């Protein structure tokens, strides 16, 4: 699985290439790709932050019931 940091690095590379590109259509496509990578980075970051909380909730709700 690609990490949030890896998506950020990919986004930075695309942004640098877009800035250096002299063909407007390619620069635009690279910019959109960079934005997509940033969105993916955010999703992965949110998912990894939410997973431990879900685990903790599952453990907390089952503890102590039926005593």
PDB file of N, CA and C in Angstrom:
ATOM      1  N   UNK A   1       0.842  -1.181   0.000  1.00  0.00           N
ATOM      2  CA  UNK A   1       0.000   0.000   0.000  1.00  0.00           C
ATOM      3  C   UNK A   1       0.890   1.248   0.000  1.00  0.00           C
ATOM      4  N   UNK A   2       0.506   2.217  -0.789  1.00  0.00           N
ATOM      5  CA  UNK A   2       1.260   3.459  -0.886  1.00  0.00           C
ATOM      6  C   UNK A   2       0.944   4.320   0.335  1.00  0.00           C
ATOM      7  N   UNK A   3       1.978   4.890   0.928  1.00  0.00           N
ATOM      8  CA  UNK A   3       1.791   5.711   2.118  1.00  0.00           C
ATOM      9  C   UNK A   3       1.439   7.142   1.743  1.00  0.00           C
ATOM     10  N   UNK A   4       0.963   7.871   2.725  1.00  0.00           N
ATOM     11  CA  UNK A   4       0.631   9.280   2.538  1.00  0.00           C
ATOM     12  C   UNK A   4       1.862  10.071   2.095  1.00  0.00           C
ATOM     13  N   UNK A   5       2.992   9.794   2.707  1.00  0.00           N
ATOM     14  CA  UNK A   5       4.226  10.501   2.356  1.00  0.00           C
ATOM     15  C   UNK A   5       4.637  10.209   0.911  1.00  0.00           C
ATOM     16  N   UNK A   6       4.458   8.968   0.472  1.00  0.00           N
ATOM     17  CA  UNK A   6       4.795   8.627  -0.914  1.00  0.00           C
ATOM     18  C   UNK A   6       3.898   9.369  -1.904  1.00  0.00           C
ATOM     19  N   UNK A   7       2.602   9.477  -1.587  1.00  0.00           N
ATOM     20  CA  UNK A   7       1.706  10.259  -2.440  1.00  0.00           C
ATOM     21  C   UNK A   7       2.130  11.728  -2.468  1.00  0.00           C
ATOM     22  N   UNK A   8       2.548  12.264  -1.324  1.00  0.00           N
ATOM     23  CA  UNK A   8       3.022  13.647  -1.289  1.00  0.00           C
ATOM     24  C   UNK A   8       4.250  13.829  -2.170  1.00  0.00           C
ATOM     25  N   UNK A   9       5.158  12.885  -2.131  1.00  0.00           N
ATOM     26  CA  UNK A   9       6.359  12.964  -2.968  1.00  0.00           C
ATOM     27  C   UNK A   9       6.003  12.922  -4.452  1.00  0.00           C
ATOM     28  N   UNK A  10       5.065  12.048  -4.803  1.00  0.00           N
ATOM     29  CA  UNK A  10       4.616  11.980  -6.193  1.00  0.00           C
ATOM     30  C   UNK A  10       3.972  13.299  -6.628  1.00  0.00           C
ATOM     31  N   UNK A  11       3.189  13.882  -5.746  1.00  0.00           N
ATOM     32  CA  UNK A  11       2.546  15.162  -6.051  1.00  0.00           C
ATOM     33  C   UNK A  11       3.590  16.253  -6.276  1.00  0.00           C
ATOM     34  N   UNK A  12       4.615  16.270  -5.455  1.00  0.00           N
ATOM     35  CA  UNK A  12       5.674  17.263  -5.613  1.00  0.00           C
ATOM     36  C   UNK A  12       6.409  17.086  -6.943  1.00  0.00           C
ATOM     37  N   UNK A  13       6.678  15.856  -7.318  1.00  0.00           N
ATOM     38  CA  UNK A  13       7.360  15.594  -8.591  1.00  0.00           C
ATOM     39  C   UNK A  13       6.510  16.083  -9.767  1.00  0.00           C
ATOM     40  N   UNK A  14       5.220  15.769  -9.718  1.00  0.00           N
ATOM     41  CA  UNK A  14       4.329  16.205 -10.798  1.00  0.00           C
ATOM     42  C   UNK A  14       4.259  17.728 -10.866  1.00  0.00           C
ATOM     43  N   UNK A  15       4.195  18.364  -9.720  1.00  0.00           N
ATOM     44  CA  UNK A  15       4.134  19.828  -9.694  1.00  0.00           C
ATOM     45  C   UNK A  15       5.408  20.435 -10.283  1.00  0.00           C
ATOM     46  N   UNK A  16       6.551  19.881  -9.931  1.00  0.00           N
ATOM     47  CA  UNK A  16       7.815  20.393 -10.489  1.00  0.00           C
ATOM     48  C   UNK A  16       7.863  20.201 -12.000  1.00  0.00           C
ATOM     49  N   UNK A  17       7.415  19.043 -12.465  1.00  0.00           N
ATOM     50  CA  UNK A  17       7.382  18.790 -13.906  1.00  0.00           C
ATOM     51  C   UNK A  17       6.403  19.739 -14.599  1.00  0.00           C
ATOM     52  N   UNK A  18       5.267  19.989 -13.990  1.00  0.00           N
ATOM     53  CA  UNK A  18       4.284  20.903 -14.578  1.00  0.00           C
ATOM     54  C   UNK A  18       4.854  22.309 -14.714  1.00  0.00           C
ATOM     55  N   UNK A  19       5.572  22.758 -13.714  1.00  0.00           N
ATOM     56  CA  UNK A  19       6.179  24.096 -13.754  1.00  0.00           C
ATOM     57  C   UNK A  19       7.223  24.181 -14.863  1.00  0.00           C
ATOM     58  N   UNK A  20       7.974  23.106 -15.055  1.00  0.00           N
ATOM     59  CA  UNK A  20       9.041  23.099 -16.043  1.00  0.00           C
ATOM     60  C   UNK A  20       8.539  22.859 -17.468  1.00  0.00           C
ATOM     61  N   UNK A  21       7.313  22.373 -17.592  1.00  0.00           N
ATOM     62  CA  UNK A  21       6.791  21.993 -18.904  1.00  0.00           C
ATOM     63  C   UNK A  21       6.365  23.219 -19.717  1.00  0.00           C
ATOM     64  N   UNK A  22       6.738  23.229 -20.994  1.00  0.00           N
ATOM     65  CA  UNK A  22       6.378  24.358 -21.864  1.00  0.00           C
ATOM     66  C   UNK A  22       5.100  24.099 -22.670  1.00  0.00           C
ATOM     67  N   UNK A  23       4.589  22.885 -22.613  1.00  0.00           N
ATOM     68  CA  UNK A  23       3.361  22.550 -23.337  1.00  0.00           C
ATOM     69  C   UNK A  23       2.187  22.686 -22.365  1.00  0.00           C
ATOM     70  N   UNK A  24       1.306  23.669 -22.586  1.00  0.00           N
ATOM     71  CA  UNK A  24       0.226  23.938 -21.629  1.00  0.00           C
ATOM     72  C   UNK A  24      -0.670  22.741 -21.320  1.00  0.00           C
ATOM     73  N   UNK A  25      -0.998  21.935 -22.322  1.00  0.00           N
ATOM     74  CA  UNK A  25      -1.887  20.795 -22.063  1.00  0.00           C
ATOM     75  C   UNK A  25      -1.220  19.757 -21.162  1.00  0.00           C
ATOM     76  N   UNK A  26       0.056  19.544 -21.349  1.00  0.00           N
ATOM     77  CA  UNK A  26       0.786  18.587 -20.509  1.00  0.00           C
ATOM     78  C   UNK A  26       0.983  19.160 -19.111  1.00  0.00           C
ATOM     79  N   UNK A  27       1.305  20.445 -19.028  1.00  0.00           N
ATOM     80  CA  UNK A  27       1.457  21.091 -17.721  1.00  0.00           C
ATOM     81  C   UNK A  27       0.153  21.006 -16.934  1.00  0.00           C
ATOM     82  N   UNK A  28      -0.974  21.210 -17.621  1.00  0.00           N
ATOM     83  CA  UNK A  28      -2.279  21.105 -16.962  1.00  0.00           C
ATOM     84  C   UNK A  28      -2.563  19.696 -16.479  1.00  0.00           C
ATOM     85  N   UNK A  29      -2.237  18.716 -17.308  1.00  0.00           N
ATOM     86  CA  UNK A  29      -2.448  17.315 -16.921  1.00  0.00           C
ATOM     87  C   UNK A  29      -1.581  16.944 -15.724  1.00  0.00           C
ATOM     88  N   UNK A  30      -0.342  17.407 -15.719  1.00  0.00           N
ATOM     89  CA  UNK A  30       0.544  17.131 -14.580  1.00  0.00           C
ATOM     90  C   UNK A  30       0.049  17.809 -13.307  1.00  0.00           C
ATOM     91  N   UNK A  31      -0.496  19.001 -13.454  1.00  0.00           N
ATOM     92  CA  UNK A  31      -1.054  19.709 -12.292  1.00  0.00           C
ATOM     93  C   UNK A  31      -2.245  18.942 -11.722  1.00  0.00           C
ATOM     94  N   UNK A  32      -3.116  18.470 -12.603  1.00  0.00           N
ATOM     95  CA  UNK A  32      -4.259  17.675 -12.143  1.00  0.00           C
ATOM     96  C   UNK A  32      -3.807  16.380 -11.473  1.00  0.00           C
ATOM     97  N   UNK A  33      -2.780  15.763 -12.023  1.00  0.00           N
ATOM     98  CA  UNK A  33      -2.242  14.545 -11.421  1.00  0.00           C
ATOM     99  C   UNK A  33      -1.669  14.837 -10.036  1.00  0.00           C
ATOM    100  N   UNK A  34      -0.976  15.962  -9.908  1.00  0.00           N
ATOM    101  CA  UNK A  34      -0.433  16.352  -8.605  1.00  0.00           C
ATOM    102  C   UNK A  34      -1.566  16.546  -7.598  1.00  0.00           C
ATOM    103  N   UNK A  35      -2.641  17.189  -8.024  1.00  0.00           N
ATOM    104  CA  UNK A  35      -3.784  17.397  -7.125  1.00  0.00           C
ATOM    105  C   UNK A  35      -4.434  16.071  -6.729  1.00  0.00           C
ATOM    106  N   UNK A  36      -4.498  15.145  -7.685  1.00  0.00           N
ATOM    107  CA  UNK A  36      -5.054  13.825  -7.386  1.00  0.00           C
ATOM    108  C   UNK A  36      -4.189  13.089  -6.368  1.00  0.00           C
ATOM    109  N   UNK A  37      -2.874  13.182  -6.533  1.00  0.00           N
ATOM    110  CA  UNK A  37      -1.974  12.548  -5.566  1.00  0.00           C
ATOM    111  C   UNK A  37      -2.131  13.167  -4.176  1.00  0.00           C
ATOM    112  N   UNK A  38      -2.327  14.472  -4.108  1.00  0.00           N
ATOM    113  CA  UNK A  38      -2.540  15.112  -2.807  1.00  0.00           C
ATOM    114  C   UNK A  38      -3.840  14.628  -2.161  1.00  0.00           C
ATOM    115  N   UNK A  39      -4.877  14.463  -2.980  1.00  0.00           N
ATOM    116  CA  UNK A  39      -6.143  13.946  -2.458  1.00  0.00           C
ATOM    117  C   UNK A  39      -5.974  12.518  -1.947  1.00  0.00           C
ATOM    118  N   UNK A  40      -5.226  11.698  -2.693  1.00  0.00           N
ATOM    119  CA  UNK A  40      -4.962  10.319  -2.261  1.00  0.00           C
ATOM    120  C   UNK A  40      -4.178  10.314  -0.951  1.00  0.00           C
ATOM    121  N   UNK A  41      -3.224  11.212  -0.843  1.00  0.00           N
ATOM    122  CA  UNK A  41      -2.439  11.314   0.381  1.00  0.00           C
ATOM    123  C   UNK A  41      -3.335  11.624   1.569  1.00  0.00           C
ATOM    124  N   UNK A  42      -4.262  12.543   1.368  1.00  0.00           N
ATOM    125  CA  UNK A  42      -5.182  12.915   2.442  1.00  0.00           C
ATOM    126  C   UNK A  42      -6.077  11.741   2.834  1.00  0.00           C
ATOM    127  N   UNK A  43      -6.572  11.001   1.839  1.00  0.00           N
ATOM    128  CA  UNK A  43      -7.428   9.845   2.137  1.00  0.00           C
ATOM    129  C   UNK A  43      -6.670   8.778   2.923  1.00  0.00           C
ATOM    130  N   UNK A  44      -5.462   8.478   2.489  1.00  0.00           N
ATOM    131  CA  UNK A  44      -4.652   7.472   3.184  1.00  0.00           C
ATOM    132  C   UNK A  44      -4.349   7.925   4.609  1.00  0.00           C
ATOM    133  N   UNK A  45      -4.045   9.197   4.756  1.00  0.00           N
ATOM    134  CA  UNK A  45      -3.746   9.741   6.078  1.00  0.00           C
ATOM    135  C   UNK A  45      -4.964   9.636   7.004  1.00  0.00           C
ATOM    136  N   UNK A  46      -6.136   9.960   6.479  1.00  0.00           N
ATOM    137  CA  UNK A  46      -7.357   9.875   7.285  1.00  0.00           C
ATOM    138  C   UNK A  46      -7.695   8.435   7.630  1.00  0.00           C
ATOM    139  N   UNK A  47      -7.500   7.522   6.671  1.00  0.00           N
ATOM    140  CA  UNK A  47      -7.778   6.111   6.931  1.00  0.00           C
ATOM    141  C   UNK A  47      -6.859   5.548   8.002  1.00  0.00           C
ATOM    142  N   UNK A  48      -5.590   5.880   7.924  1.00  0.00           N
ATOM    143  CA  UNK A  48      -4.648   5.349   8.909  1.00  0.00           C
ATOM    144  C   UNK A  48      -4.894   5.967  10.276  1.00  0.00           C
ATOM    145  N   UNK A  49      -5.384   7.190  10.320  1.00  0.00           N
ATOM    146  CA  UNK A  49      -5.710   7.823  11.605  1.00  0.00           C
ATOM    147  C   UNK A  49      -6.979   7.228  12.191  1.00  0.00           C
ATOM    148  N   UNK A  50      -7.912   6.813  11.348  1.00  0.00           N
ATOM    149  CA  UNK A  50      -9.186   6.279  11.817  1.00  0.00           C
ATOM    150  C   UNK A  50      -9.096   4.824  12.249  1.00  0.00           C
ATOM    151  N   UNK A  51      -8.205   4.054  11.665  1.00  0.00           N
ATOM    152  CA  UNK A  51      -8.129   2.631  11.975  1.00  0.00           C
ATOM    153  C   UNK A  51      -7.823   2.345  13.443  1.00  0.00           C
ATOM    154  N   UNK A  52      -6.838   2.968  14.058  1.00  0.00           N
ATOM    155  CA  UNK A  52      -6.611   2.676  15.480  1.00  0.00           C
ATOM    156  C   UNK A  52      -7.796   3.058  16.356  1.00  0.00           C
ATOM    157  N   UNK A  53      -8.498   4.126  16.010  1.00  0.00           N
ATOM    158  CA  UNK A  53      -9.661   4.533  16.782  1.00  0.00           C
ATOM    159  C   UNK A  53     -10.760   3.488  16.680  1.00  0.00           C
ATOM    160  N   UNK A  54     -10.977   2.942  15.482  1.00  0.00           N
ATOM    161  CA  UNK A  54     -11.986   1.917  15.314  1.00  0.00           C
ATOM    162  C   UNK A  54     -11.622   0.680  16.112  1.00  0.00           C
ATOM    163  N   UNK A  55     -10.349   0.328  16.115  1.00  0.00           N
ATOM    164  CA  UNK A  55      -9.901  -0.804  16.908  1.00  0.00           C
ATOM    165  C   UNK A  55     -10.159  -0.559  18.385  1.00  0.00           C
ATOM    166  N   UNK A  56      -9.822   0.613  18.841  1.00  0.00           N
ATOM    167  CA  UNK A  56     -10.002   0.953  20.253  1.00  0.00           C
ATOM    168  C   UNK A  56     -11.477   0.916  20.627  1.00  0.00           C
ATOM    169  N   UNK A  57     -12.346   1.427  19.776  1.00  0.00           N
ATOM    170  CA  UNK A  57     -13.766   1.419  20.060  1.00  0.00           C
ATOM    171  C   UNK A  57     -14.264  -0.016  20.148  1.00  0.00           C
ATOM    172  N   UNK A  58     -13.824  -0.868  19.235  1.00  0.00           N
ATOM    173  CA  UNK A  58     -14.249  -2.253  19.255  1.00  0.00           C
ATOM    174  C   UNK A  58     -13.801  -2.936  20.541  1.00  0.00           C
ATOM    175  N   UNK A  59     -12.606  -2.645  21.000  1.00  0.00           N
ATOM    176  CA  UNK A  59     -12.126  -3.246  22.235  1.00  0.00           C
ATOM    177  C   UNK A  59     -12.889  -2.703  23.446  1.00  0.00           C
ATOM    178  N   UNK A  60     -13.151  -1.403  23.444  1.00  0.00           N
ATOM    179  CA  UNK A  60     -13.839  -0.794  24.574  1.00  0.00           C
ATOM    180  C   UNK A  60     -15.281  -1.264  24.703  1.00  0.00           C
ATOM    181  N   UNK A  61     -15.994  -1.442  23.596  1.00  0.00           N
ATOM    182  CA  UNK A  61     -17.396  -1.806  23.667  1.00  0.00           C
ATOM    183  C   UNK A  61     -17.597  -3.257  24.116  1.00  0.00           C
ATOM    184  N   UNK A  62     -16.638  -4.116  23.860  1.00  0.00           N
ATOM    185  CA  UNK A  62     -16.799  -5.506  24.252  1.00  0.00           C
ATOM    186  C   UNK A  62     -16.308  -5.766  25.678  1.00  0.00           C
ATOM    187  N   UNK A  63     -15.507  -4.882  26.223  1.00  0.00           N
ATOM    188  CA  UNK A  63     -14.963  -5.092  27.562  1.00  0.00           C
ATOM    189  C   UNK A  63     -16.019  -4.819  28.633  1.00  0.00           C
ATOM    190  N   UNK A  64     -16.189  -5.744  29.506  1.00  0.00           N
ATOM    191  CA  UNK A  64     -17.046  -5.548  30.667  1.00  0.00           C
ATOM    192  C   UNK A  64     -18.505  -5.915  30.473  1.00  0.00           C
ATOM    193  N   UNK A  65     -18.905  -6.279  29.276  1.00  0.00           N
ATOM    194  CA  UNK A  65     -20.304  -6.656  29.065  1.00  0.00           C
ATOM    195  C   UNK A  65     -20.526  -8.084  29.523  1.00  0.00           C
ATOM    196  N   UNK A  66     -21.670  -8.333  30.107  1.00  0.00           N
ATOM    197  CA  UNK A  66     -22.031  -9.667  30.547  1.00  0.00           C
ATOM    198  C   UNK A  66     -21.521 -10.016  31.933  1.00  0.00           C
ATOM    199  N   UNK A  67     -20.916  -9.058  32.612  1.00  0.00           N
ATOM    200  CA  UNK A  67     -20.420  -9.335  33.974  1.00  0.00           C
ATOM    201  C   UNK A  67     -21.523  -9.250  34.982  1.00  0.00           C
TER     202      UNK A  67
END
